[in-house]
Amino acid sequence: MSRPGRDDAPDRLYTLTQGRSRSGPDNPFDLVTLVVAECDPVPGMQSEHVAILRLTERPTAVVEIAAELKLPVSITRILLSDLLAAGRVSARHPRKAAVPDPDILEQVLVGLRNL
């Protein structure tokens, strides 16, 4: 019995990535990287690339793309790298919250203790 969502055909994954198991050292994609399509799919594209471009018409996280495609994140990252290299998608990381000044935090703590 197979688990739901598990792909029991490793040869399919091998074919999707053209034998690559890693996407390269300069890969900007982590689980929460937002991906946005920069163009529409064109005839002759790999079906997974087409699906990614349709999913990313609005900013979509890598983990969401992998879940929708029912593919491992590692395979999804390789496919995204191909699209990024071709200029078909752009990647951006979610904004990081600004770290408050430690002096201000200390003043707030002192003020709370004085209450």
PDB file of N, CA and C in Angstrom:
ATOM      1  N   MET A   1       0.846  -1.175   0.000  1.00  0.00           N
ATOM      2  CA  MET A   1       0.000   0.000   0.000  1.00  0.00           C
ATOM      3  C   MET A   1       0.892   1.238   0.000  1.00  0.00           C
ATOM      4  N   SER A   2       0.607   2.195  -0.861  1.00  0.00           N
ATOM      5  CA  SER A   2       1.433   3.401  -0.921  1.00  0.00           C
ATOM      6  C   SER A   2       0.787   4.533  -0.133  1.00  0.00           C
ATOM      7  N   ARG A   3       1.645   5.423   0.316  1.00  0.00           N
ATOM      8  CA  ARG A   3       1.170   6.578   1.064  1.00  0.00           C
ATOM      9  C   ARG A   3       0.620   7.620   0.105  1.00  0.00           C
ATOM     10  N   PRO A   4      -0.412   8.374   0.521  1.00  0.00           N
ATOM     11  CA  PRO A   4      -0.951   9.416  -0.349  1.00  0.00           C
ATOM     12  C   PRO A   4       0.113  10.474  -0.628  1.00  0.00           C
ATOM     13  N   GLY A   5       0.179  10.920  -1.872  1.00  0.00           N
ATOM     14  CA  GLY A   5       1.111  11.973  -2.240  1.00  0.00           C
ATOM     15  C   GLY A   5       2.513  11.493  -2.529  1.00  0.00           C
ATOM     16  N   ARG A   6       2.771  10.222  -2.324  1.00  0.00           N
ATOM     17  CA  ARG A   6       4.107   9.696  -2.574  1.00  0.00           C
ATOM     18  C   ARG A   6       4.209   9.274  -4.035  1.00  0.00           C
ATOM     19  N   ASP A   7       5.306   9.675  -4.667  1.00  0.00           N
ATOM     20  CA  ASP A   7       5.512   9.303  -6.053  1.00  0.00           C
ATOM     21  C   ASP A   7       6.373   8.049  -6.080  1.00  0.00           C
ATOM     22  N   ASP A   8       5.798   6.933  -6.490  1.00  0.00           N
ATOM     23  CA  ASP A   8       6.510   5.661  -6.494  1.00  0.00           C
ATOM     24  C   ASP A   8       7.273   5.427  -7.783  1.00  0.00           C
ATOM     25  N   ALA A   9       7.404   6.439  -8.618  1.00  0.00           N
ATOM     26  CA  ALA A   9       8.105   6.280  -9.883  1.00  0.00           C
ATOM     27  C   ALA A   9       9.347   7.178  -9.906  1.00  0.00           C
ATOM     28  N   PRO A  10      10.449   6.734  -9.298  1.00  0.00           N
ATOM     29  CA  PRO A  10      11.642   7.579  -9.264  1.00  0.00           C
ATOM     30  C   PRO A  10      12.186   7.879 -10.659  1.00  0.00           C
ATOM     31  N   ASP A  11      11.918   6.996 -11.627  1.00  0.00           N
ATOM     32  CA  ASP A  11      12.374   7.260 -12.992  1.00  0.00           C
ATOM     33  C   ASP A  11      11.672   8.487 -13.578  1.00  0.00           C
ATOM     34  N   ARG A  12      10.423   8.739 -13.172  1.00  0.00           N
ATOM     35  CA  ARG A  12       9.711   9.932 -13.626  1.00  0.00           C
ATOM     36  C   ARG A  12      10.401  11.185 -13.103  1.00  0.00           C
ATOM     37  N   LEU A  13      10.782  11.158 -11.812  1.00  0.00           N
ATOM     38  CA  LEU A  13      11.467  12.309 -11.227  1.00  0.00           C
ATOM     39  C   LEU A  13      12.820  12.524 -11.896  1.00  0.00           C
ATOM     40  N   TYR A  14      13.503  11.442 -12.213  1.00  0.00           N
ATOM     41  CA  TYR A  14      14.790  11.516 -12.901  1.00  0.00           C
ATOM     42  C   TYR A  14      14.617  12.173 -14.264  1.00  0.00           C
ATOM     43  N   THR A  15      13.549  11.821 -14.944  1.00  0.00           N
ATOM     44  CA  THR A  15      13.273  12.375 -16.266  1.00  0.00           C
ATOM     45  C   THR A  15      12.899  13.851 -16.169  1.00  0.00           C
ATOM     46  N   LEU A  16      12.097  14.210 -15.169  1.00  0.00           N
ATOM     47  CA  LEU A  16      11.684  15.605 -15.001  1.00  0.00           C
ATOM     48  C   LEU A  16      12.876  16.536 -14.854  1.00  0.00           C
ATOM     49  N   THR A  17      13.888  16.081 -14.128  1.00  0.00           N
ATOM     50  CA  THR A  17      15.038  16.934 -13.833  1.00  0.00           C
ATOM     51  C   THR A  17      16.216  16.669 -14.757  1.00  0.00           C
ATOM     52  N   GLN A  18      16.020  15.826 -15.752  1.00  0.00           N
ATOM     53  CA  GLN A  18      17.072  15.450 -16.691  1.00  0.00           C
ATOM     54  C   GLN A  18      18.284  14.877 -15.964  1.00  0.00           C
ATOM     55  N   GLY A  19      17.995  14.103 -14.918  1.00  0.00           N
ATOM     56  CA  GLY A  19      19.037  13.401 -14.187  1.00  0.00           C
ATOM     57  C   GLY A  19      19.698  14.187 -13.076  1.00  0.00           C
ATOM     58  N   ARG A  20      19.324  15.438 -12.898  1.00  0.00           N
ATOM     59  CA  ARG A  20      19.945  16.247 -11.845  1.00  0.00           C
ATOM     60  C   ARG A  20      19.298  15.942 -10.504  1.00  0.00           C
ATOM     61  N   SER A  21      20.105  15.898  -9.473  1.00  0.00           N
ATOM     62  CA  SER A  21      19.562  15.649  -8.136  1.00  0.00           C
ATOM     63  C   SER A  21      19.662  16.881  -7.252  1.00  0.00           C
ATOM     64  N   ARG A  22      20.425  17.873  -7.697  1.00  0.00           N
ATOM     65  CA  ARG A  22      20.542  19.130  -6.958  1.00  0.00           C
ATOM     66  C   ARG A  22      20.437  20.277  -7.946  1.00  0.00           C
ATOM     67  N   SER A  23      20.024  21.422  -7.441  1.00  0.00           N
ATOM     68  CA  SER A  23      19.779  22.549  -8.330  1.00  0.00           C
ATOM     69  C   SER A  23      20.944  23.516  -8.444  1.00  0.00           C
ATOM     70  N   GLY A  24      22.025  23.306  -7.786  1.00  0.00           N
ATOM     71  CA  GLY A  24      23.174  24.194  -7.918  1.00  0.00           C
ATOM     72  C   GLY A  24      23.390  25.026  -6.680  1.00  0.00           C
ATOM     73  N   PRO A  25      24.624  25.482  -6.485  1.00  0.00           N
ATOM     74  CA  PRO A  25      24.971  26.194  -5.249  1.00  0.00           C
ATOM     75  C   PRO A  25      24.359  27.583  -5.129  1.00  0.00           C
ATOM     76  N   ASP A  26      24.048  28.225  -6.233  1.00  0.00           N
ATOM     77  CA  ASP A  26      23.500  29.585  -6.177  1.00  0.00           C
ATOM     78  C   ASP A  26      21.979  29.613  -6.271  1.00  0.00           C
ATOM     79  N   ASN A  27      21.348  28.526  -5.895  1.00  0.00           N
ATOM     80  CA  ASN A  27      19.891  28.425  -5.962  1.00  0.00           C
ATOM     81  C   ASN A  27      19.264  29.329  -4.894  1.00  0.00           C
ATOM     82  N   PRO A  28      18.428  30.290  -5.300  1.00  0.00           N
ATOM     83  CA  PRO A  28      17.835  31.208  -4.331  1.00  0.00           C
ATOM     84  C   PRO A  28      16.559  30.687  -3.669  1.00  0.00           C
ATOM     85  N   PHE A  29      16.176  29.455  -3.963  1.00  0.00           N
ATOM     86  CA  PHE A  29      14.878  28.973  -3.507  1.00  0.00           C
ATOM     87  C   PHE A  29      14.973  28.207  -2.197  1.00  0.00           C
ATOM     88  N   ASP A  30      14.289  28.722  -1.169  1.00  0.00           N
ATOM     89  CA  ASP A  30      14.061  27.935   0.033  1.00  0.00           C
ATOM     90  C   ASP A  30      12.550  27.747   0.154  1.00  0.00           C
ATOM     91  N   LEU A  31      12.090  27.168   1.221  1.00  0.00           N
ATOM     92  CA  LEU A  31      10.671  26.817   1.322  1.00  0.00           C
ATOM     93  C   LEU A  31       9.724  28.010   1.230  1.00  0.00           C
ATOM     94  N   VAL A  32      10.150  29.156   1.750  1.00  0.00           N
ATOM     95  CA  VAL A  32       9.244  30.309   1.799  1.00  0.00           C
ATOM     96  C   VAL A  32       9.522  31.354   0.734  1.00  0.00           C
ATOM     97  N   THR A  33      10.455  31.094  -0.169  1.00  0.00           N
ATOM     98  CA  THR A  33      10.721  32.027  -1.259  1.00  0.00           C
ATOM     99  C   THR A  33       9.457  32.178  -2.099  1.00  0.00           C
ATOM    100  N   LEU A  34       9.123  33.411  -2.395  1.00  0.00           N
ATOM    101  CA  LEU A  34       7.955  33.683  -3.228  1.00  0.00           C
ATOM    102  C   LEU A  34       8.373  33.716  -4.686  1.00  0.00           C
ATOM    103  N   VAL A  35       7.633  33.022  -5.521  1.00  0.00           N
ATOM    104  CA  VAL A  35       7.933  32.912  -6.944  1.00  0.00           C
ATOM    105  C   VAL A  35       6.808  33.577  -7.720  1.00  0.00           C
ATOM    106  N   VAL A  36       7.180  34.365  -8.726  1.00  0.00           N
ATOM    107  CA  VAL A  36       6.197  35.059  -9.559  1.00  0.00           C
ATOM    108  C   VAL A  36       6.546  34.809 -11.023  1.00  0.00           C
ATOM    109  N   ALA A  37       5.545  34.434 -11.801  1.00  0.00           N
ATOM    110  CA  ALA A  37       5.742  34.212 -13.238  1.00  0.00           C
ATOM    111  C   ALA A  37       6.006  35.543 -13.925  1.00  0.00           C
ATOM    112  N   GLU A  38       6.946  35.535 -14.859  1.00  0.00           N
ATOM    113  CA  GLU A  38       7.269  36.736 -15.625  1.00  0.00           C
ATOM    114  C   GLU A  38       6.716  36.670 -17.045  1.00  0.00           C
ATOM    115  N   CYS A  39       6.144  35.519 -17.415  1.00  0.00           N
ATOM    116  CA  CYS A  39       5.590  35.371 -18.757  1.00  0.00           C
ATOM    117  C   CYS A  39       4.535  34.270 -18.739  1.00  0.00           C
ATOM    118  N   ASP A  40       3.852  34.137 -19.837  1.00  0.00           N
ATOM    119  CA  ASP A  40       2.873  33.066 -19.989  1.00  0.00           C
ATOM    120  C   ASP A  40       3.565  31.826 -20.541  1.00  0.00           C
ATOM    121  N   PRO A  41       2.971  30.652 -20.321  1.00  0.00           N
ATOM    122  CA  PRO A  41       3.533  29.438 -20.920  1.00  0.00           C
ATOM    123  C   PRO A  41       3.522  29.521 -22.445  1.00  0.00           C
ATOM    124  N   VAL A  42       4.484  28.849 -23.056  1.00  0.00           N
ATOM    125  CA  VAL A  42       4.555  28.802 -24.514  1.00  0.00           C
ATOM    126  C   VAL A  42       4.437  27.359 -24.975  1.00  0.00           C
ATOM    127  N   PRO A  43       3.954  27.141 -26.181  1.00  0.00           N
ATOM    128  CA  PRO A  43       3.838  25.765 -26.680  1.00  0.00           C
ATOM    129  C   PRO A  43       5.193  25.058 -26.667  1.00  0.00           C
ATOM    130  N   GLY A  44       5.157  23.788 -26.313  1.00  0.00           N
ATOM    131  CA  GLY A  44       6.365  22.978 -26.298  1.00  0.00           C
ATOM    132  C   GLY A  44       7.077  22.932 -24.962  1.00  0.00           C
ATOM    133  N   MET A  45       6.590  23.697 -23.984  1.00  0.00           N
ATOM    134  CA  MET A  45       7.211  23.677 -22.660  1.00  0.00           C
ATOM    135  C   MET A  45       6.872  22.380 -21.941  1.00  0.00           C
ATOM    136  N   GLN A  46       7.754  21.990 -21.047  1.00  0.00           N
ATOM    137  CA  GLN A  46       7.508  20.836 -20.183  1.00  0.00           C
ATOM    138  C   GLN A  46       6.241  21.099 -19.371  1.00  0.00           C
ATOM    139  N   SER A  47       5.397  20.097 -19.210  1.00  0.00           N
ATOM    140  CA  SER A  47       4.098  20.294 -18.558  1.00  0.00           C
ATOM    141  C   SER A  47       4.242  20.815 -17.130  1.00  0.00           C
ATOM    142  N   GLU A  48       5.257  20.398 -16.416  1.00  0.00           N
ATOM    143  CA  GLU A  48       5.467  20.891 -15.046  1.00  0.00           C
ATOM    144  C   GLU A  48       5.840  22.369 -15.052  1.00  0.00           C
ATOM    145  N   HIS A  49       6.604  22.790 -16.046  1.00  0.00           N
ATOM    146  CA  HIS A  49       6.939  24.210 -16.162  1.00  0.00           C
ATOM    147  C   HIS A  49       5.686  25.035 -16.444  1.00  0.00           C
ATOM    148  N   VAL A  50       4.831  24.521 -17.287  1.00  0.00           N
ATOM    149  CA  VAL A  50       3.560  25.198 -17.584  1.00  0.00           C
ATOM    150  C   VAL A  50       2.735  25.319 -16.310  1.00  0.00           C
ATOM    151  N   ALA A  51       2.647  24.230 -15.559  1.00  0.00           N
ATOM    152  CA  ALA A  51       1.870  24.244 -14.311  1.00  0.00           C
ATOM    153  C   ALA A  51       2.443  25.259 -13.325  1.00  0.00           C
ATOM    154  N   ILE A  52       3.762  25.338 -13.235  1.00  0.00           N
ATOM    155  CA  ILE A  52       4.391  26.302 -12.329  1.00  0.00           C
ATOM    156  C   ILE A  52       4.061  27.725 -12.758  1.00  0.00           C
ATOM    157  N   LEU A  53       4.153  28.006 -14.039  1.00  0.00           N
ATOM    158  CA  LEU A  53       3.845  29.364 -14.508  1.00  0.00           C
ATOM    159  C   LEU A  53       2.394  29.734 -14.236  1.00  0.00           C
ATOM    160  N   ARG A  54       1.498  28.782 -14.356  1.00  0.00           N
ATOM    161  CA  ARG A  54       0.083  29.070 -14.054  1.00  0.00           C
ATOM    162  C   ARG A  54      -0.135  29.271 -12.559  1.00  0.00           C
ATOM    163  N   LEU A  55       0.573  28.487 -11.738  1.00  0.00           N
ATOM    164  CA  LEU A  55       0.427  28.617 -10.284  1.00  0.00           C
ATOM    165  C   LEU A  55       1.005  29.923  -9.758  1.00  0.00           C
ATOM    166  N   THR A  56       1.989  30.450 -10.463  1.00  0.00           N
ATOM    167  CA  THR A  56       2.701  31.619  -9.947  1.00  0.00           C
ATOM    168  C   THR A  56       2.290  32.922 -10.621  1.00  0.00           C
ATOM    169  N   GLU A  57       1.078  32.969 -11.122  1.00  0.00           N
ATOM    170  CA  GLU A  57       0.590  34.243 -11.650  1.00  0.00           C
ATOM    171  C   GLU A  57       0.551  35.285 -10.537  1.00  0.00           C
ATOM    172  N   ARG A  58       0.355  34.832  -9.329  1.00  0.00           N
ATOM    173  CA  ARG A  58       0.458  35.653  -8.117  1.00  0.00           C
ATOM    174  C   ARG A  58       1.593  35.069  -7.288  1.00  0.00           C
ATOM    175  N   PRO A  59       2.227  35.858  -6.428  1.00  0.00           N
ATOM    176  CA  PRO A  59       3.337  35.331  -5.628  1.00  0.00           C
ATOM    177  C   PRO A  59       2.929  34.061  -4.856  1.00  0.00           C
ATOM    178  N   THR A  60       3.706  33.014  -5.029  1.00  0.00           N
ATOM    179  CA  THR A  60       3.412  31.724  -4.421  1.00  0.00           C
ATOM    180  C   THR A  60       4.693  31.156  -3.829  1.00  0.00           C
ATOM    181  N   ALA A  61       4.609  30.617  -2.617  1.00  0.00           N
ATOM    182  CA  ALA A  61       5.769  30.042  -1.947  1.00  0.00           C
ATOM    183  C   ALA A  61       6.172  28.719  -2.597  1.00  0.00           C
ATOM    184  N   VAL A  62       7.456  28.428  -2.548  1.00  0.00           N
ATOM    185  CA  VAL A  62       7.991  27.198  -3.135  1.00  0.00           C
ATOM    186  C   VAL A  62       7.283  25.974  -2.562  1.00  0.00           C
ATOM    187  N   VAL A  63       7.057  25.963  -1.268  1.00  0.00           N
ATOM    188  CA  VAL A  63       6.411  24.809  -0.636  1.00  0.00           C
ATOM    189  C   VAL A  63       4.986  24.616  -1.154  1.00  0.00           C
ATOM    190  N   GLU A  64       4.293  25.709  -1.445  1.00  0.00           N
ATOM    191  CA  GLU A  64       2.940  25.606  -2.007  1.00  0.00           C
ATOM    192  C   GLU A  64       2.978  25.042  -3.422  1.00  0.00           C
ATOM    193  N   ILE A  65       3.959  25.462  -4.195  1.00  0.00           N
ATOM    194  CA  ILE A  65       4.094  24.958  -5.564  1.00  0.00           C
ATOM    195  C   ILE A  65       4.343  23.454  -5.534  1.00  0.00           C
ATOM    196  N   ALA A  66       5.261  23.023  -4.667  1.00  0.00           N
ATOM    197  CA  ALA A  66       5.569  21.593  -4.546  1.00  0.00           C
ATOM    198  C   ALA A  66       4.328  20.803  -4.149  1.00  0.00           C
ATOM    199  N   ALA A  67       3.550  21.346  -3.219  1.00  0.00           N
ATOM    200  CA  ALA A  67       2.342  20.647  -2.764  1.00  0.00           C
ATOM    201  C   ALA A  67       1.316  20.535  -3.894  1.00  0.00           C
ATOM    202  N   GLU A  68       1.140  21.607  -4.644  1.00  0.00           N
ATOM    203  CA  GLU A  68       0.174  21.586  -5.748  1.00  0.00           C
ATOM    204  C   GLU A  68       0.590  20.607  -6.843  1.00  0.00           C
ATOM    205  N   LEU A  69       1.883  20.549  -7.116  1.00  0.00           N
ATOM    206  CA  LEU A  69       2.382  19.645  -8.158  1.00  0.00           C
ATOM    207  C   LEU A  69       2.526  18.209  -7.662  1.00  0.00           C
ATOM    208  N   LYS A  70       2.411  18.022  -6.334  1.00  0.00           N
ATOM    209  CA  LYS A  70       2.614  16.705  -5.721  1.00  0.00           C
ATOM    210  C   LYS A  70       4.004  16.158  -6.050  1.00  0.00           C
ATOM    211  N   LEU A  71       4.989  17.066  -5.926  1.00  0.00           N
ATOM    212  CA  LEU A  71       6.385  16.711  -6.166  1.00  0.00           C
ATOM    213  C   LEU A  71       7.208  17.039  -4.931  1.00  0.00           C
ATOM    214  N   PRO A  72       8.318  16.339  -4.725  1.00  0.00           N
ATOM    215  CA  PRO A  72       9.212  16.705  -3.624  1.00  0.00           C
ATOM    216  C   PRO A  72       9.743  18.131  -3.824  1.00  0.00           C
ATOM    217  N   VAL A  73      10.025  18.802  -2.724  1.00  0.00           N
ATOM    218  CA  VAL A  73      10.524  20.169  -2.805  1.00  0.00           C
ATOM    219  C   VAL A  73      11.841  20.219  -3.576  1.00  0.00           C
ATOM    220  N   SER A  74      12.695  19.227  -3.400  1.00  0.00           N
ATOM    221  CA  SER A  74      13.981  19.225  -4.098  1.00  0.00           C
ATOM    222  C   SER A  74      13.789  19.218  -5.615  1.00  0.00           C
ATOM    223  N   ILE A  75      12.838  18.456  -6.093  1.00  0.00           N
ATOM    224  CA  ILE A  75      12.557  18.403  -7.533  1.00  0.00           C
ATOM    225  C   ILE A  75      11.951  19.725  -7.990  1.00  0.00           C
ATOM    226  N   THR A  76      11.065  20.277  -7.193  1.00  0.00           N
ATOM    227  CA  THR A  76      10.440  21.560  -7.518  1.00  0.00           C
ATOM    228  C   THR A  76      11.495  22.659  -7.611  1.00  0.00           C
ATOM    229  N   ARG A  77      12.467  22.641  -6.712  1.00  0.00           N
ATOM    230  CA  ARG A  77      13.535  23.645  -6.743  1.00  0.00           C
ATOM    231  C   ARG A  77      14.346  23.552  -8.033  1.00  0.00           C
ATOM    232  N   ILE A  78      14.582  22.347  -8.514  1.00  0.00           N
ATOM    233  CA  ILE A  78      15.321  22.169  -9.770  1.00  0.00           C
ATOM    234  C   ILE A  78      14.518  22.741 -10.933  1.00  0.00           C
ATOM    235  N   LEU A  79      13.224  22.451 -10.968  1.00  0.00           N
ATOM    236  CA  LEU A  79      12.370  22.976 -12.031  1.00  0.00           C
ATOM    237  C   LEU A  79      12.303  24.503 -11.976  1.00  0.00           C
ATOM    238  N   LEU A  80      12.222  25.051 -10.768  1.00  0.00           N
ATOM    239  CA  LEU A  80      12.197  26.504 -10.607  1.00  0.00           C
ATOM    240  C   LEU A  80      13.514  27.133 -11.053  1.00  0.00           C
ATOM    241  N   SER A  81      14.613  26.462 -10.792  1.00  0.00           N
ATOM    242  CA  SER A  81      15.924  26.968 -11.227  1.00  0.00           C
ATOM    243  C   SER A  81      15.986  27.063 -12.749  1.00  0.00           C
ATOM    244  N   ASP A  82      15.417  26.065 -13.425  1.00  0.00           N
ATOM    245  CA  ASP A  82      15.372  26.095 -14.887  1.00  0.00           C
ATOM    246  C   ASP A  82      14.593  27.314 -15.370  1.00  0.00           C
ATOM    247  N   LEU A  83      13.438  27.554 -14.750  1.00  0.00           N
ATOM    248  CA  LEU A  83      12.602  28.689 -15.152  1.00  0.00           C
ATOM    249  C   LEU A  83      13.266  30.020 -14.823  1.00  0.00           C
ATOM    250  N   LEU A  84      13.963  30.083 -13.698  1.00  0.00           N
ATOM    251  CA  LEU A  84      14.662  31.309 -13.316  1.00  0.00           C
ATOM    252  C   LEU A  84      15.792  31.603 -14.302  1.00  0.00           C
ATOM    253  N   ALA A  85      16.539  30.579 -14.676  1.00  0.00           N
ATOM    254  CA  ALA A  85      17.641  30.754 -15.628  1.00  0.00           C
ATOM    255  C   ALA A  85      17.131  31.227 -16.992  1.00  0.00           C
ATOM    256  N   ALA A  86      15.925  30.819 -17.355  1.00  0.00           N
ATOM    257  CA  ALA A  86      15.334  31.229 -18.626  1.00  0.00           C
ATOM    258  C   ALA A  86      14.625  32.584 -18.526  1.00  0.00           C
ATOM    259  N   GLY A  87      14.579  33.165 -17.326  1.00  0.00           N
ATOM    260  CA  GLY A  87      13.921  34.454 -17.144  1.00  0.00           C
ATOM    261  C   GLY A  87      12.410  34.377 -17.118  1.00  0.00           C
ATOM    262  N   ARG A  88      11.876  33.196 -16.896  1.00  0.00           N
ATOM    263  CA  ARG A  88      10.415  33.018 -16.917  1.00  0.00           C
ATOM    264  C   ARG A  88       9.762  33.239 -15.556  1.00  0.00           C
ATOM    265  N   VAL A  89      10.551  33.195 -14.470  1.00  0.00           N
ATOM    266  CA  VAL A  89      10.038  33.488 -13.132  1.00  0.00           C
ATOM    267  C   VAL A  89      11.040  34.386 -12.415  1.00  0.00           C
ATOM    268  N   SER A  90      10.561  35.047 -11.387  1.00  0.00           N
ATOM    269  CA  SER A  90      11.447  35.782 -10.494  1.00  0.00           C
ATOM    270  C   SER A  90      11.209  35.272  -9.084  1.00  0.00           C
ATOM    271  N   ALA A  91      12.233  35.397  -8.263  1.00  0.00           N
ATOM    272  CA  ALA A  91      12.154  34.898  -6.892  1.00  0.00           C
ATOM    273  C   ALA A  91      12.459  36.038  -5.934  1.00  0.00           C
ATOM    274  N   ARG A  92      11.708  36.074  -4.861  1.00  0.00           N
ATOM    275  CA  ARG A  92      11.992  37.060  -3.813  1.00  0.00           C
ATOM    276  C   ARG A  92      11.661  36.447  -2.470  1.00  0.00           C
ATOM    277  N   HIS A  93      12.432  36.844  -1.503  1.00  0.00           N
ATOM    278  CA  HIS A  93      12.208  36.342  -0.155  1.00  0.00           C
ATOM    279  C   HIS A  93      11.221  37.256   0.551  1.00  0.00           C
ATOM    280  N   PRO A  94      10.395  36.682   1.423  1.00  0.00           N
ATOM    281  CA  PRO A  94       9.462  37.530   2.178  1.00  0.00           C
ATOM    282  C   PRO A  94      10.253  38.558   2.989  1.00  0.00           C
ATOM    283  N   ARG A  95       9.655  39.685   3.180  1.00  0.00           N
ATOM    284  CA  ARG A  95      10.318  40.741   3.960  1.00  0.00           C
ATOM    285  C   ARG A  95      10.588  40.255   5.374  1.00  0.00           C
ATOM    286  N   LYS A  96      11.765  40.560   5.823  1.00  0.00           N
ATOM    287  CA  LYS A  96      12.115  40.229   7.202  1.00  0.00           C
ATOM    288  C   LYS A  96      11.701  41.396   8.085  1.00  0.00           C
ATOM    289  N   ALA A  97      11.199  41.070   9.236  1.00  0.00           N
ATOM    290  CA  ALA A  97      10.803  42.112  10.173  1.00  0.00           C
ATOM    291  C   ALA A  97      12.053  42.848  10.658  1.00  0.00           C
ATOM    292  N   ALA A  98      11.929  44.143  10.782  1.00  0.00           N
ATOM    293  CA  ALA A  98      13.057  44.936  11.264  1.00  0.00           C
ATOM    294  C   ALA A  98      13.331  44.585  12.721  1.00  0.00           C
ATOM    295  N   VAL A  99      14.587  44.428  13.034  1.00  0.00           N
ATOM    296  CA  VAL A  99      14.982  44.116  14.409  1.00  0.00           C
ATOM    297  C   VAL A  99      15.062  45.433  15.170  1.00  0.00           C
ATOM    298  N   PRO A 100      14.297  45.550  16.251  1.00  0.00           N
ATOM    299  CA  PRO A 100      14.312  46.797  17.004  1.00  0.00           C
ATOM    300  C   PRO A 100      15.659  47.022  17.685  1.00  0.00           C
ATOM    301  N   ASP A 101      15.943  48.270  17.924  1.00  0.00           N
ATOM    302  CA  ASP A 101      17.175  48.674  18.596  1.00  0.00           C
ATOM    303  C   ASP A 101      17.183  48.104  20.020  1.00  0.00           C
ATOM    304  N   PRO A 102      18.265  47.447  20.430  1.00  0.00           N
ATOM    305  CA  PRO A 102      18.317  46.868  21.785  1.00  0.00           C
ATOM    306  C   PRO A 102      18.134  47.909  22.894  1.00  0.00           C
ATOM    307  N   ASP A 103      18.588  49.147  22.648  1.00  0.00           N
ATOM    308  CA  ASP A 103      18.423  50.194  23.664  1.00  0.00           C
ATOM    309  C   ASP A 103      16.952  50.517  23.888  1.00  0.00           C
ATOM    310  N   ILE A 104      16.179  50.538  22.810  1.00  0.00           N
ATOM    311  CA  ILE A 104      14.743  50.812  22.938  1.00  0.00           C
ATOM    312  C   ILE A 104      14.069  49.683  23.693  1.00  0.00           C
ATOM    313  N   LEU A 105      14.452  48.439  23.394  1.00  0.00           N
ATOM    314  CA  LEU A 105      13.879  47.297  24.113  1.00  0.00           C
ATOM    315  C   LEU A 105      14.213  47.365  25.598  1.00  0.00           C
ATOM    316  N   GLU A 106      15.420  47.768  25.901  1.00  0.00           N
ATOM    317  CA  GLU A 106      15.821  47.911  27.312  1.00  0.00           C
ATOM    318  C   GLU A 106      14.984  48.983  28.007  1.00  0.00           C
ATOM    319  N   GLN A 107      14.736  50.101  27.318  1.00  0.00           N
ATOM    320  CA  GLN A 107      13.924  51.175  27.909  1.00  0.00           C
ATOM    321  C   GLN A 107      12.490  50.712  28.138  1.00  0.00           C
ATOM    322  N   VAL A 108      11.944  49.939  27.190  1.00  0.00           N
ATOM    323  CA  VAL A 108      10.598  49.396  27.348  1.00  0.00           C
ATOM    324  C   VAL A 108      10.550  48.453  28.531  1.00  0.00           C
ATOM    325  N   LEU A 109      11.554  47.617  28.686  1.00  0.00           N
ATOM    326  CA  LEU A 109      11.604  46.671  29.801  1.00  0.00           C
ATOM    327  C   LEU A 109      11.666  47.421  31.129  1.00  0.00           C
ATOM    328  N   VAL A 110      12.476  48.459  31.195  1.00  0.00           N
ATOM    329  CA  VAL A 110      12.569  49.257  32.422  1.00  0.00           C
ATOM    330  C   VAL A 110      11.232  49.916  32.709  1.00  0.00           C
ATOM    331  N   GLY A 111      10.582  50.454  31.671  1.00  0.00           N
ATOM    332  CA  GLY A 111       9.268  51.081  31.853  1.00  0.00           C
ATOM    333  C   GLY A 111       8.230  50.089  32.342  1.00  0.00           C
ATOM    334  N   LEU A 112       8.245  48.868  31.833  1.00  0.00           N
ATOM    335  CA  LEU A 112       7.294  47.844  32.287  1.00  0.00           C
ATOM    336  C   LEU A 112       7.559  47.454  33.735  1.00  0.00           C
ATOM    337  N   ARG A 113       8.799  47.364  34.097  1.00  0.00           N
ATOM    338  CA  ARG A 113       9.135  47.011  35.488  1.00  0.00           C
ATOM    339  C   ARG A 113       8.701  48.104  36.456  1.00  0.00           C
ATOM    340  N   ASN A 114       8.698  49.356  35.998  1.00  0.00           N
ATOM    341  CA  ASN A 114       8.301  50.458  36.858  1.00  0.00           C
ATOM    342  C   ASN A 114       6.785  50.534  37.055  1.00  0.00           C
ATOM    343  N   LEU A 115       6.036  49.807  36.240  1.00  0.00           N
ATOM    344  CA  LEU A 115       4.577  49.852  36.399  1.00  0.00           C
ATOM    345  C   LEU A 115       4.125  49.171  37.616  1.00  0.00           C
TER     346      LEU A 115
END
